[in-house]
Amino acid sequence: MTQEERWLQRYNEVMRFIETNHRNPSKYVPEEKLMVHFLKRGRKLMNAGELSAPRLSMFQTLLSLCEKYKRKISMNRLEIIDNRLEILLNIISTCLLASTAFYHAIIYQYTYMLIYGVNWHIKF
């Protein structure tokens, strides 16, 4: 099997996978790891300008399909993060006026809450 045939085989495998499963291959699933590697290597070659013209057009088609099924963060989640950051900024400005130990405790607790989504009620 020539290199061109192997590339086409992998290309068709990735294309078929995305069209069938309506998602991109995952690096966490062992059976899909080679497809992820194919996409990553293809992007690297494309960005370096080392992909031949026929492969380039095919790979760009594949990337547009990948973009269609790319995971997106919901607006609701972004709004939650934005609200939490605004609260954190208010806490920091309040704590700057307070003692240093108090400031560190509050920042530590709120950072933990932001990371793990724990709803602690901080009282002043």
PDB file of N, CA and C in Angstrom:
ATOM      1  N   MET A   1       0.845  -1.177   0.000  1.00  0.00           N
ATOM      2  CA  MET A   1       0.000   0.000   0.000  1.00  0.00           C
ATOM      3  C   MET A   1       0.894   1.246   0.000  1.00  0.00           C
ATOM      4  N   THR A   2       0.611   2.136  -0.906  1.00  0.00           N
ATOM      5  CA  THR A   2       1.428   3.340  -1.001  1.00  0.00           C
ATOM      6  C   THR A   2       1.018   4.344   0.077  1.00  0.00           C
ATOM      7  N   GLN A   3       1.857   5.346   0.228  1.00  0.00           N
ATOM      8  CA  GLN A   3       1.586   6.380   1.222  1.00  0.00           C
ATOM      9  C   GLN A   3       0.292   7.132   0.882  1.00  0.00           C
ATOM     10  N   GLU A   4       0.080   7.366  -0.407  1.00  0.00           N
ATOM     11  CA  GLU A   4      -1.140   8.055  -0.843  1.00  0.00           C
ATOM     12  C   GLU A   4      -2.381   7.231  -0.516  1.00  0.00           C
ATOM     13  N   GLU A   5      -2.311   5.930  -0.718  1.00  0.00           N
ATOM     14  CA  GLU A   5      -3.441   5.052  -0.406  1.00  0.00           C
ATOM     15  C   GLU A   5      -3.729   5.023   1.097  1.00  0.00           C
ATOM     16  N   ARG A   6      -2.662   4.995   1.911  1.00  0.00           N
ATOM     17  CA  ARG A   6      -2.842   5.017   3.363  1.00  0.00           C
ATOM     18  C   ARG A   6      -3.484   6.327   3.813  1.00  0.00           C
ATOM     19  N   TRP A   7      -3.035   7.443   3.221  1.00  0.00           N
ATOM     20  CA  TRP A   7      -3.594   8.738   3.580  1.00  0.00           C
ATOM     21  C   TRP A   7      -5.080   8.787   3.224  1.00  0.00           C
ATOM     22  N   LEU A   8      -5.431   8.325   2.021  1.00  0.00           N
ATOM     23  CA  LEU A   8      -6.830   8.310   1.601  1.00  0.00           C
ATOM     24  C   LEU A   8      -7.677   7.396   2.480  1.00  0.00           C
ATOM     25  N   GLN A   9      -7.107   6.266   2.874  1.00  0.00           N
ATOM     26  CA  GLN A   9      -7.821   5.339   3.750  1.00  0.00           C
ATOM     27  C   GLN A   9      -8.124   6.008   5.098  1.00  0.00           C
ATOM     28  N   ARG A  10      -7.140   6.660   5.683  1.00  0.00           N
ATOM     29  CA  ARG A  10      -7.334   7.336   6.968  1.00  0.00           C
ATOM     30  C   ARG A  10      -8.308   8.508   6.811  1.00  0.00           C
ATOM     31  N   TYR A  11      -8.170   9.251   5.715  1.00  0.00           N
ATOM     32  CA  TYR A  11      -9.075  10.371   5.443  1.00  0.00           C
ATOM     33  C   TYR A  11     -10.519   9.877   5.386  1.00  0.00           C
ATOM     34  N   ASN A  12     -10.752   8.823   4.628  1.00  0.00           N
ATOM     35  CA  ASN A  12     -12.105   8.269   4.501  1.00  0.00           C
ATOM     36  C   ASN A  12     -12.617   7.728   5.830  1.00  0.00           C
ATOM     37  N   GLU A  13     -11.732   7.143   6.615  1.00  0.00           N
ATOM     38  CA  GLU A  13     -12.115   6.630   7.927  1.00  0.00           C
ATOM     39  C   GLU A  13     -12.588   7.765   8.838  1.00  0.00           C
ATOM     40  N   VAL A  14     -11.839   8.853   8.866  1.00  0.00           N
ATOM     41  CA  VAL A  14     -12.195   9.998   9.717  1.00  0.00           C
ATOM     42  C   VAL A  14     -13.488  10.641   9.208  1.00  0.00           C
ATOM     43  N   MET A  15     -13.598  10.815   7.905  1.00  0.00           N
ATOM     44  CA  MET A  15     -14.786  11.419   7.311  1.00  0.00           C
ATOM     45  C   MET A  15     -16.031  10.579   7.626  1.00  0.00           C
ATOM     46  N   ARG A  16     -15.915   9.282   7.454  1.00  0.00           N
ATOM     47  CA  ARG A  16     -17.034   8.370   7.725  1.00  0.00           C
ATOM     48  C   ARG A  16     -17.408   8.404   9.220  1.00  0.00           C
ATOM     49  N   PHE A  17     -16.399   8.441  10.087  1.00  0.00           N
ATOM     50  CA  PHE A  17     -16.642   8.480  11.530  1.00  0.00           C
ATOM     51  C   PHE A  17     -17.442   9.720  11.918  1.00  0.00           C
ATOM     52  N   ILE A  18     -17.016  10.873  11.429  1.00  0.00           N
ATOM     53  CA  ILE A  18     -17.676  12.127  11.793  1.00  0.00           C
ATOM     54  C   ILE A  18     -19.099  12.170  11.241  1.00  0.00           C
ATOM     55  N   GLU A  19     -19.284  11.726  10.009  1.00  0.00           N
ATOM     56  CA  GLU A  19     -20.619  11.737   9.414  1.00  0.00           C
ATOM     57  C   GLU A  19     -21.555  10.755  10.115  1.00  0.00           C
ATOM     58  N   THR A  20     -21.016   9.632  10.569  1.00  0.00           N
ATOM     59  CA  THR A  20     -21.838   8.617  11.229  1.00  0.00           C
ATOM     60  C   THR A  20     -22.183   8.991  12.663  1.00  0.00           C
ATOM     61  N   ASN A  21     -21.183   9.455  13.416  1.00  0.00           N
ATOM     62  CA  ASN A  21     -21.365   9.714  14.844  1.00  0.00           C
ATOM     63  C   ASN A  21     -21.757  11.151  15.173  1.00  0.00           C
ATOM     64  N   HIS A  22     -21.702  12.029  14.192  1.00  0.00           N
ATOM     65  CA  HIS A  22     -22.052  13.449  14.385  1.00  0.00           C
ATOM     66  C   HIS A  22     -21.240  14.077  15.515  1.00  0.00           C
ATOM     67  N   ARG A  23     -19.979  13.714  15.590  1.00  0.00           N
ATOM     68  CA  ARG A  23     -19.046  14.297  16.553  1.00  0.00           C
ATOM     69  C   ARG A  23     -17.629  14.050  16.052  1.00  0.00           C
ATOM     70  N   ASN A  24     -16.686  14.777  16.624  1.00  0.00           N
ATOM     71  CA  ASN A  24     -15.283  14.583  16.280  1.00  0.00           C
ATOM     72  C   ASN A  24     -14.711  13.415  17.074  1.00  0.00           C
ATOM     73  N   PRO A  25     -13.665  12.788  16.565  1.00  0.00           N
ATOM     74  CA  PRO A  25     -13.031  11.715  17.337  1.00  0.00           C
ATOM     75  C   PRO A  25     -12.442  12.248  18.639  1.00  0.00           C
ATOM     76  N   SER A  26     -12.426  11.391  19.655  1.00  0.00           N
ATOM     77  CA  SER A  26     -11.934  11.779  20.968  1.00  0.00           C
ATOM     78  C   SER A  26     -10.555  11.186  21.225  1.00  0.00           C
ATOM     79  N   LYS A  27      -9.685  11.985  21.818  1.00  0.00           N
ATOM     80  CA  LYS A  27      -8.356  11.485  22.157  1.00  0.00           C
ATOM     81  C   LYS A  27      -8.404  10.546  23.355  1.00  0.00           C
ATOM     82  N   TYR A  28      -9.530  10.493  24.042  1.00  0.00           N
ATOM     83  CA  TYR A  28      -9.661   9.653  25.223  1.00  0.00           C
ATOM     84  C   TYR A  28     -10.173   8.242  24.911  1.00  0.00           C
ATOM     85  N   VAL A  29     -10.650   8.032  23.691  1.00  0.00           N
ATOM     86  CA  VAL A  29     -11.134   6.712  23.281  1.00  0.00           C
ATOM     87  C   VAL A  29     -10.026   6.050  22.462  1.00  0.00           C
ATOM     88  N   PRO A  30      -9.498   4.931  22.939  1.00  0.00           N
ATOM     89  CA  PRO A  30      -8.355   4.306  22.253  1.00  0.00           C
ATOM     90  C   PRO A  30      -8.600   4.006  20.763  1.00  0.00           C
ATOM     91  N   GLU A  31      -9.817   3.615  20.418  1.00  0.00           N
ATOM     92  CA  GLU A  31     -10.117   3.287  19.019  1.00  0.00           C
ATOM     93  C   GLU A  31     -10.122   4.520  18.115  1.00  0.00           C
ATOM     94  N   GLU A  32     -10.239   5.693  18.692  1.00  0.00           N
ATOM     95  CA  GLU A  32     -10.325   6.928  17.916  1.00  0.00           C
ATOM     96  C   GLU A  32      -9.029   7.721  17.913  1.00  0.00           C
ATOM     97  N   LYS A  33      -8.047   7.253  18.668  1.00  0.00           N
ATOM     98  CA  LYS A  33      -6.800   8.006  18.833  1.00  0.00           C
ATOM     99  C   LYS A  33      -6.053   8.218  17.520  1.00  0.00           C
ATOM    100  N   LEU A  34      -6.054   7.215  16.632  1.00  0.00           N
ATOM    101  CA  LEU A  34      -5.360   7.361  15.352  1.00  0.00           C
ATOM    102  C   LEU A  34      -6.018   8.427  14.484  1.00  0.00           C
ATOM    103  N   MET A  35      -7.335   8.540  14.594  1.00  0.00           N
ATOM    104  CA  MET A  35      -8.034   9.577  13.826  1.00  0.00           C
ATOM    105  C   MET A  35      -7.683  10.969  14.352  1.00  0.00           C
ATOM    106  N   VAL A  36      -7.586  11.092  15.655  1.00  0.00           N
ATOM    107  CA  VAL A  36      -7.190  12.372  16.259  1.00  0.00           C
ATOM    108  C   VAL A  36      -5.773  12.729  15.806  1.00  0.00           C
ATOM    109  N   HIS A  37      -4.902  11.732  15.801  1.00  0.00           N
ATOM    110  CA  HIS A  37      -3.525  11.964  15.365  1.00  0.00           C
ATOM    111  C   HIS A  37      -3.487  12.397  13.900  1.00  0.00           C
ATOM    112  N   PHE A  38      -4.320  11.771  13.062  1.00  0.00           N
ATOM    113  CA  PHE A  38      -4.389  12.141  11.646  1.00  0.00           C
ATOM    114  C   PHE A  38      -4.793  13.604  11.497  1.00  0.00           C
ATOM    115  N   LEU A  39      -5.799  14.025  12.256  1.00  0.00           N
ATOM    116  CA  LEU A  39      -6.252  15.419  12.181  1.00  0.00           C
ATOM    117  C   LEU A  39      -5.175  16.387  12.677  1.00  0.00           C
ATOM    118  N   LYS A  40      -4.549  16.035  13.787  1.00  0.00           N
ATOM    119  CA  LYS A  40      -3.520  16.905  14.366  1.00  0.00           C
ATOM    120  C   LYS A  40      -2.326  17.047  13.417  1.00  0.00           C
ATOM    121  N   ARG A  41      -1.881  15.925  12.877  1.00  0.00           N
ATOM    122  CA  ARG A  41      -0.741  15.945  11.948  1.00  0.00           C
ATOM    123  C   ARG A  41      -1.099  16.715  10.672  1.00  0.00           C
ATOM    124  N   GLY A  42      -2.324  16.516  10.199  1.00  0.00           N
ATOM    125  CA  GLY A  42      -2.769  17.228   8.992  1.00  0.00           C
ATOM    126  C   GLY A  42      -2.794  18.730   9.195  1.00  0.00           C
ATOM    127  N   ARG A  43      -3.279  19.156  10.363  1.00  0.00           N
ATOM    128  CA  ARG A  43      -3.288  20.604  10.664  1.00  0.00           C
ATOM    129  C   ARG A  43      -1.872  21.156  10.698  1.00  0.00           C
ATOM    130  N   LYS A  44      -0.988  20.385  11.301  1.00  0.00           N
ATOM    131  CA  LYS A  44       0.405  20.822  11.410  1.00  0.00           C
ATOM    132  C   LYS A  44       1.031  20.970  10.024  1.00  0.00           C
ATOM    133  N   LEU A  45       0.812  19.986   9.156  1.00  0.00           N
ATOM    134  CA  LEU A  45       1.349  20.054   7.790  1.00  0.00           C
ATOM    135  C   LEU A  45       0.712  21.193   7.002  1.00  0.00           C
ATOM    136  N   MET A  46      -0.592  21.388   7.184  1.00  0.00           N
ATOM    137  CA  MET A  46      -1.290  22.445   6.469  1.00  0.00           C
ATOM    138  C   MET A  46      -0.757  23.812   6.889  1.00  0.00           C
ATOM    139  N   ASN A  47      -0.576  24.017   8.183  1.00  0.00           N
ATOM    140  CA  ASN A  47      -0.063  25.297   8.668  1.00  0.00           C
ATOM    141  C   ASN A  47       1.370  25.558   8.231  1.00  0.00           C
ATOM    142  N   ALA A  48       2.137  24.478   8.037  1.00  0.00           N
ATOM    143  CA  ALA A  48       3.520  24.625   7.580  1.00  0.00           C
ATOM    144  C   ALA A  48       3.602  24.752   6.061  1.00  0.00           C
ATOM    145  N   GLY A  49       2.461  24.580   5.370  1.00  0.00           N
ATOM    146  CA  GLY A  49       2.437  24.667   3.914  1.00  0.00           C
ATOM    147  C   GLY A  49       3.018  23.440   3.233  1.00  0.00           C
ATOM    148  N   GLU A  50       3.024  22.312   3.914  1.00  0.00           N
ATOM    149  CA  GLU A  50       3.631  21.100   3.382  1.00  0.00           C
ATOM    150  C   GLU A  50       2.612  20.094   2.838  1.00  0.00           C
ATOM    151  N   LEU A  51       1.323  20.448   2.839  1.00  0.00           N
ATOM    152  CA  LEU A  51       0.291  19.557   2.326  1.00  0.00           C
ATOM    153  C   LEU A  51       0.121  19.811   0.842  1.00  0.00           C
ATOM    154  N   SER A  52       0.127  18.759   0.027  1.00  0.00           N
ATOM    155  CA  SER A  52      -0.002  18.918  -1.425  1.00  0.00           C
ATOM    156  C   SER A  52      -1.395  19.444  -1.775  1.00  0.00           C
ATOM    157  N   ALA A  53      -1.526  20.023  -2.954  1.00  0.00           N
ATOM    158  CA  ALA A  53      -2.775  20.689  -3.361  1.00  0.00           C
ATOM    159  C   ALA A  53      -4.001  19.775  -3.287  1.00  0.00           C
ATOM    160  N   PRO A  54      -3.950  18.553  -3.834  1.00  0.00           N
ATOM    161  CA  PRO A  54      -5.157  17.714  -3.736  1.00  0.00           C
ATOM    162  C   PRO A  54      -5.493  17.350  -2.288  1.00  0.00           C
ATOM    163  N   ARG A  55      -4.480  17.051  -1.509  1.00  0.00           N
ATOM    164  CA  ARG A  55      -4.712  16.717  -0.101  1.00  0.00           C
ATOM    165  C   ARG A  55      -5.211  17.932   0.667  1.00  0.00           C
ATOM    166  N   LEU A  56      -4.691  19.099   0.330  1.00  0.00           N
ATOM    167  CA  LEU A  56      -5.071  20.318   1.029  1.00  0.00           C
ATOM    168  C   LEU A  56      -6.567  20.585   0.896  1.00  0.00           C
ATOM    169  N   SER A  57      -7.086  20.487  -0.320  1.00  0.00           N
ATOM    170  CA  SER A  57      -8.518  20.748  -0.516  1.00  0.00           C
ATOM    171  C   SER A  57      -9.368  19.701   0.202  1.00  0.00           C
ATOM    172  N   MET A  58      -8.932  18.443   0.166  1.00  0.00           N
ATOM    173  CA  MET A  58      -9.669  17.390   0.871  1.00  0.00           C
ATOM    174  C   MET A  58      -9.621  17.604   2.381  1.00  0.00           C
ATOM    175  N   PHE A  59      -8.451  17.971   2.872  1.00  0.00           N
ATOM    176  CA  PHE A  59      -8.291  18.161   4.308  1.00  0.00           C
ATOM    177  C   PHE A  59      -9.086  19.367   4.795  1.00  0.00           C
ATOM    178  N   GLN A  60      -9.164  20.413   3.996  1.00  0.00           N
ATOM    179  CA  GLN A  60      -9.962  21.578   4.374  1.00  0.00           C
ATOM    180  C   GLN A  60     -11.450  21.226   4.444  1.00  0.00           C
ATOM    181  N   THR A  61     -11.893  20.344   3.553  1.00  0.00           N
ATOM    182  CA  THR A  61     -13.273  19.856   3.615  1.00  0.00           C
ATOM    183  C   THR A  61     -13.501  19.109   4.921  1.00  0.00           C
ATOM    184  N   LEU A  62     -12.538  18.278   5.280  1.00  0.00           N
ATOM    185  CA  LEU A  62     -12.622  17.523   6.529  1.00  0.00           C
ATOM    186  C   LEU A  62     -12.643  18.462   7.739  1.00  0.00           C
ATOM    187  N   LEU A  63     -11.805  19.486   7.715  1.00  0.00           N
ATOM    188  CA  LEU A  63     -11.768  20.445   8.822  1.00  0.00           C
ATOM    189  C   LEU A  63     -13.074  21.227   8.950  1.00  0.00           C
ATOM    190  N   SER A  64     -13.697  21.539   7.822  1.00  0.00           N
ATOM    191  CA  SER A  64     -14.983  22.245   7.900  1.00  0.00           C
ATOM    192  C   SER A  64     -16.048  21.345   8.518  1.00  0.00           C
ATOM    193  N   LEU A  65     -15.984  20.040   8.248  1.00  0.00           N
ATOM    194  CA  LEU A  65     -16.895  19.094   8.881  1.00  0.00           C
ATOM    195  C   LEU A  65     -16.596  18.992  10.378  1.00  0.00           C
ATOM    196  N   CYS A  66     -15.312  19.004  10.739  1.00  0.00           N
ATOM    197  CA  CYS A  66     -14.919  18.983  12.156  1.00  0.00           C
ATOM    198  C   CYS A  66     -15.442  20.222  12.873  1.00  0.00           C
ATOM    199  N   GLU A  67     -15.370  21.353  12.215  1.00  0.00           N
ATOM    200  CA  GLU A  67     -15.832  22.610  12.813  1.00  0.00           C
ATOM    201  C   GLU A  67     -17.338  22.572  13.082  1.00  0.00           C
ATOM    202  N   LYS A  68     -18.065  21.887  12.204  1.00  0.00           N
ATOM    203  CA  LYS A  68     -19.512  21.764  12.356  1.00  0.00           C
ATOM    204  C   LYS A  68     -19.867  21.032  13.651  1.00  0.00           C
ATOM    205  N   TYR A  69     -19.054  20.033  14.011  1.00  0.00           N
ATOM    206  CA  TYR A  69     -19.335  19.229  15.191  1.00  0.00           C
ATOM    207  C   TYR A  69     -18.421  19.549  16.370  1.00  0.00           C
ATOM    208  N   LYS A  70     -17.783  20.691  16.320  1.00  0.00           N
ATOM    209  CA  LYS A  70     -16.897  21.103  17.406  1.00  0.00           C
ATOM    210  C   LYS A  70     -17.718  21.374  18.657  1.00  0.00           C
ATOM    211  N   ARG A  71     -17.181  20.964  19.802  1.00  0.00           N
ATOM    212  CA  ARG A  71     -17.881  21.217  21.070  1.00  0.00           C
ATOM    213  C   ARG A  71     -17.923  22.705  21.340  1.00  0.00           C
ATOM    214  N   LYS A  72     -19.050  23.162  21.798  1.00  0.00           N
ATOM    215  CA  LYS A  72     -19.215  24.589  22.084  1.00  0.00           C
ATOM    216  C   LYS A  72     -19.643  24.758  23.535  1.00  0.00           C
ATOM    217  N   ILE A  73     -19.140  25.796  24.166  1.00  0.00           N
ATOM    218  CA  ILE A  73     -19.563  26.128  25.514  1.00  0.00           C
ATOM    219  C   ILE A  73     -20.884  26.887  25.394  1.00  0.00           C
ATOM    220  N   SER A  74     -21.861  26.462  26.130  1.00  0.00           N
ATOM    221  CA  SER A  74     -23.164  27.116  26.045  1.00  0.00           C
ATOM    222  C   SER A  74     -23.085  28.533  26.607  1.00  0.00           C
ATOM    223  N   MET A  75     -23.938  29.395  26.099  1.00  0.00           N
ATOM    224  CA  MET A  75     -23.960  30.775  26.577  1.00  0.00           C
ATOM    225  C   MET A  75     -24.313  30.824  28.056  1.00  0.00           C
ATOM    226  N   ASN A  76     -25.180  29.920  28.487  1.00  0.00           N
ATOM    227  CA  ASN A  76     -25.574  29.901  29.885  1.00  0.00           C
ATOM    228  C   ASN A  76     -24.344  29.694  30.765  1.00  0.00           C
ATOM    229  N   ARG A  77     -23.468  28.768  30.381  1.00  0.00           N
ATOM    230  CA  ARG A  77     -22.252  28.490  31.150  1.00  0.00           C
ATOM    231  C   ARG A  77     -21.343  29.721  31.164  1.00  0.00           C
ATOM    232  N   LEU A  78     -21.224  30.399  30.021  1.00  0.00           N
ATOM    233  CA  LEU A  78     -20.393  31.601  29.959  1.00  0.00           C
ATOM    234  C   LEU A  78     -20.957  32.705  30.839  1.00  0.00           C
ATOM    235  N   GLU A  79     -22.277  32.838  30.883  1.00  0.00           N
ATOM    236  CA  GLU A  79     -22.898  33.841  31.741  1.00  0.00           C
ATOM    237  C   GLU A  79     -22.640  33.535  33.217  1.00  0.00           C
ATOM    238  N   ILE A  80     -22.694  32.258  33.570  1.00  0.00           N
ATOM    239  CA  ILE A  80     -22.420  31.853  34.956  1.00  0.00           C
ATOM    240  C   ILE A  80     -20.996  32.225  35.333  1.00  0.00           C
ATOM    241  N   ILE A  81     -20.047  31.909  34.449  1.00  0.00           N
ATOM    242  CA  ILE A  81     -18.639  32.226  34.708  1.00  0.00           C
ATOM    243  C   ILE A  81     -18.452  33.736  34.827  1.00  0.00           C
ATOM    244  N   ASP A  82     -19.099  34.493  33.934  1.00  0.00           N
ATOM    245  CA  ASP A  82     -18.990  35.951  33.970  1.00  0.00           C
ATOM    246  C   ASP A  82     -19.532  36.508  35.285  1.00  0.00           C
ATOM    247  N   ASN A  83     -20.674  35.990  35.728  1.00  0.00           N
ATOM    248  CA  ASN A  83     -21.251  36.444  36.996  1.00  0.00           C
ATOM    249  C   ASN A  83     -20.341  36.113  38.168  1.00  0.00           C
ATOM    250  N   ARG A  84     -19.775  34.903  38.153  1.00  0.00           N
ATOM    251  CA  ARG A  84     -18.886  34.510  39.248  1.00  0.00           C
ATOM    252  C   ARG A  84     -17.629  35.379  39.278  1.00  0.00           C
ATOM    253  N   LEU A  85     -17.110  35.715  38.110  1.00  0.00           N
ATOM    254  CA  LEU A  85     -15.920  36.577  38.069  1.00  0.00           C
ATOM    255  C   LEU A  85     -16.247  37.978  38.582  1.00  0.00           C
ATOM    256  N   GLU A  86     -17.433  38.453  38.263  1.00  0.00           N
ATOM    257  CA  GLU A  86     -17.842  39.767  38.761  1.00  0.00           C
ATOM    258  C   GLU A  86     -17.955  39.757  40.287  1.00  0.00           C
ATOM    259  N   ILE A  87     -18.521  38.676  40.836  1.00  0.00           N
ATOM    260  CA  ILE A  87     -18.619  38.541  42.289  1.00  0.00           C
ATOM    261  C   ILE A  87     -17.225  38.477  42.897  1.00  0.00           C
ATOM    262  N   LEU A  88     -16.333  37.727  42.250  1.00  0.00           N
ATOM    263  CA  LEU A  88     -14.966  37.601  42.749  1.00  0.00           C
ATOM    264  C   LEU A  88     -14.269  38.959  42.786  1.00  0.00           C
ATOM    265  N   LEU A  89     -14.452  39.756  41.758  1.00  0.00           N
ATOM    266  CA  LEU A  89     -13.846  41.090  41.744  1.00  0.00           C
ATOM    267  C   LEU A  89     -14.393  41.960  42.872  1.00  0.00           C
ATOM    268  N   ASN A  90     -15.682  41.841  43.136  1.00  0.00           N
ATOM    269  CA  ASN A  90     -16.267  42.588  44.259  1.00  0.00           C
ATOM    270  C   ASN A  90     -15.682  42.125  45.587  1.00  0.00           C
ATOM    271  N   ILE A  91     -15.507  40.822  45.738  1.00  0.00           N
ATOM    272  CA  ILE A  91     -14.928  40.277  46.967  1.00  0.00           C
ATOM    273  C   ILE A  91     -13.492  40.764  47.139  1.00  0.00           C
ATOM    274  N   ILE A  92     -12.723  40.739  46.057  1.00  0.00           N
ATOM    275  CA  ILE A  92     -11.327  41.182  46.127  1.00  0.00           C
ATOM    276  C   ILE A  92     -11.257  42.645  46.544  1.00  0.00           C
ATOM    277  N   SER A  93     -12.098  43.484  45.942  1.00  0.00           N
ATOM    278  CA  SER A  93     -12.054  44.909  46.302  1.00  0.00           C
ATOM    279  C   SER A  93     -12.465  45.122  47.758  1.00  0.00           C
ATOM    280  N   THR A  94     -13.413  44.327  48.244  1.00  0.00           N
ATOM    281  CA  THR A  94     -13.818  44.414  49.646  1.00  0.00           C
ATOM    282  C   THR A  94     -12.705  43.930  50.559  1.00  0.00           C
ATOM    283  N   CYS A  95     -12.061  42.826  50.162  1.00  0.00           N
ATOM    284  CA  CYS A  95     -11.017  42.217  50.993  1.00  0.00           C
ATOM    285  C   CYS A  95      -9.750  43.059  51.050  1.00  0.00           C
ATOM    286  N   LEU A  96      -9.524  43.876  50.054  1.00  0.00           N
ATOM    287  CA  LEU A  96      -8.340  44.724  50.079  1.00  0.00           C
ATOM    288  C   LEU A  96      -8.376  45.685  51.252  1.00  0.00           C
ATOM    289  N   LEU A  97      -9.582  45.992  51.684  1.00  0.00           N
ATOM    290  CA  LEU A  97      -9.739  46.882  52.825  1.00  0.00           C
ATOM    291  C   LEU A  97      -9.635  46.127  54.148  1.00  0.00           C
ATOM    292  N   ALA A  98      -9.786  44.807  54.093  1.00  0.00           N
ATOM    293  CA  ALA A  98      -9.776  43.994  55.310  1.00  0.00           C
ATOM    294  C   ALA A  98      -8.358  43.480  55.583  1.00  0.00           C
ATOM    295  N   SER A  99      -8.254  42.652  56.603  1.00  0.00           N
ATOM    296  CA  SER A  99      -6.941  42.113  56.973  1.00  0.00           C
ATOM    297  C   SER A  99      -6.455  41.119  55.914  1.00  0.00           C
ATOM    298  N   THR A 100      -5.148  40.896  55.876  1.00  0.00           N
ATOM    299  CA  THR A 100      -4.537  40.015  54.892  1.00  0.00           C
ATOM    300  C   THR A 100      -4.976  38.569  55.064  1.00  0.00           C
ATOM    301  N   ALA A 101      -5.060  38.062  56.284  1.00  0.00           N
ATOM    302  CA  ALA A 101      -5.466  36.672  56.526  1.00  0.00           C
ATOM    303  C   ALA A 101      -6.900  36.451  56.054  1.00  0.00           C
ATOM    304  N   PHE A 102      -7.745  37.403  56.359  1.00  0.00           N
ATOM    305  CA  PHE A 102      -9.137  37.306  55.935  1.00  0.00           C
ATOM    306  C   PHE A 102      -9.217  37.289  54.413  1.00  0.00           C
ATOM    307  N   TYR A 103      -8.446  38.170  53.800  1.00  0.00           N
ATOM    308  CA  TYR A 103      -8.404  38.276  52.343  1.00  0.00           C
ATOM    309  C   TYR A 103      -8.002  36.947  51.722  1.00  0.00           C
ATOM    310  N   HIS A 104      -6.950  36.315  52.209  1.00  0.00           N
ATOM    311  CA  HIS A 104      -6.487  35.044  51.655  1.00  0.00           C
ATOM    312  C   HIS A 104      -7.525  33.936  51.827  1.00  0.00           C
ATOM    313  N   ALA A 105      -8.180  33.901  52.969  1.00  0.00           N
ATOM    314  CA  ALA A 105      -9.195  32.867  53.214  1.00  0.00           C
ATOM    315  C   ALA A 105     -10.361  33.010  52.245  1.00  0.00           C
ATOM    316  N   ILE A 106     -10.820  34.214  52.047  1.00  0.00           N
ATOM    317  CA  ILE A 106     -11.957  34.434  51.150  1.00  0.00           C
ATOM    318  C   ILE A 106     -11.577  34.099  49.711  1.00  0.00           C
ATOM    319  N   ILE A 107     -10.434  34.556  49.256  1.00  0.00           N
ATOM    320  CA  ILE A 107     -10.002  34.285  47.887  1.00  0.00           C
ATOM    321  C   ILE A 107      -9.827  32.784  47.677  1.00  0.00           C
ATOM    322  N   TYR A 108      -9.236  32.099  48.651  1.00  0.00           N
ATOM    323  CA  TYR A 108      -9.046  30.650  48.548  1.00  0.00           C
ATOM    324  C   TYR A 108     -10.395  29.945  48.419  1.00  0.00           C
ATOM    325  N   GLN A 109     -11.357  30.313  49.268  1.00  0.00           N
ATOM    326  CA  GLN A 109     -12.666  29.673  49.248  1.00  0.00           C
ATOM    327  C   GLN A 109     -13.392  29.952  47.934  1.00  0.00           C
ATOM    328  N   TYR A 110     -13.352  31.172  47.477  1.00  0.00           N
ATOM    329  CA  TYR A 110     -14.087  31.505  46.263  1.00  0.00           C
ATOM    330  C   TYR A 110     -13.428  30.887  45.030  1.00  0.00           C
ATOM    331  N   THR A 111     -12.113  30.828  45.010  1.00  0.00           N
ATOM    332  CA  THR A 111     -11.425  30.172  43.888  1.00  0.00           C
ATOM    333  C   THR A 111     -11.806  28.705  43.839  1.00  0.00           C
ATOM    334  N   TYR A 112     -11.855  28.064  44.995  1.00  0.00           N
ATOM    335  CA  TYR A 112     -12.278  26.669  45.071  1.00  0.00           C
ATOM    336  C   TYR A 112     -13.701  26.520  44.535  1.00  0.00           C
ATOM    337  N   MET A 113     -14.554  27.449  44.907  1.00  0.00           N
ATOM    338  CA  MET A 113     -15.934  27.413  44.444  1.00  0.00           C
ATOM    339  C   MET A 113     -16.005  27.574  42.924  1.00  0.00           C
ATOM    340  N   LEU A 114     -15.210  28.474  42.369  1.00  0.00           N
ATOM    341  CA  LEU A 114     -15.200  28.674  40.918  1.00  0.00           C
ATOM    342  C   LEU A 114     -14.739  27.419  40.187  1.00  0.00           C
ATOM    343  N   ILE A 115     -13.689  26.787  40.704  1.00  0.00           N
ATOM    344  CA  ILE A 115     -13.132  25.621  40.030  1.00  0.00           C
ATOM    345  C   ILE A 115     -14.061  24.426  40.126  1.00  0.00           C
ATOM    346  N   TYR A 116     -14.558  24.142  41.318  1.00  0.00           N
ATOM    347  CA  TYR A 116     -15.321  22.917  41.531  1.00  0.00           C
ATOM    348  C   TYR A 116     -16.831  23.116  41.515  1.00  0.00           C
ATOM    349  N   GLY A 117     -17.286  24.335  41.382  1.00  0.00           N
ATOM    350  CA  GLY A 117     -18.711  24.597  41.304  1.00  0.00           C
ATOM    351  C   GLY A 117     -19.452  24.416  42.616  1.00  0.00           C
ATOM    352  N   VAL A 118     -18.718  24.478  43.719  1.00  0.00           N
ATOM    353  CA  VAL A 118     -19.331  24.318  45.031  1.00  0.00           C
ATOM    354  C   VAL A 118     -19.963  25.644  45.425  1.00  0.00           C
ATOM    355  N   ASN A 119     -21.188  25.592  45.928  1.00  0.00           N
ATOM    356  CA  ASN A 119     -21.883  26.817  46.320  1.00  0.00           C
ATOM    357  C   ASN A 119     -21.686  27.067  47.807  1.00  0.00           C
ATOM    358  N   TRP A 120     -20.651  27.779  48.135  1.00  0.00           N
ATOM    359  CA  TRP A 120     -20.412  28.196  49.518  1.00  0.00           C
ATOM    360  C   TRP A 120     -21.024  29.558  49.701  1.00  0.00           C
ATOM    361  N   HIS A 121     -21.540  29.790  50.867  1.00  0.00           N
ATOM    362  CA  HIS A 121     -22.075  31.106  51.182  1.00  0.00           C
ATOM    363  C   HIS A 121     -21.057  31.830  52.034  1.00  0.00           C
ATOM    364  N   ILE A 122     -20.505  32.867  51.471  1.00  0.00           N
ATOM    365  CA  ILE A 122     -19.465  33.616  52.181  1.00  0.00           C
ATOM    366  C   ILE A 122     -20.134  34.790  52.882  1.00  0.00           C
ATOM    367  N   LYS A 123     -19.934  34.866  54.191  1.00  0.00           N
ATOM    368  CA  LYS A 123     -20.529  35.928  54.983  1.00  0.00           C
ATOM    369  C   LYS A 123     -19.460  36.933  55.383  1.00  0.00           C
ATOM    370  N   PHE A 124     -19.805  38.175  55.349  1.00  0.00           N
ATOM    371  CA  PHE A 124     -18.866  39.222  55.765  1.00  0.00           C
ATOM    372  C   PHE A 124     -19.243  39.739  57.121  1.00  0.00           C
TER     373      PHE A 124
END
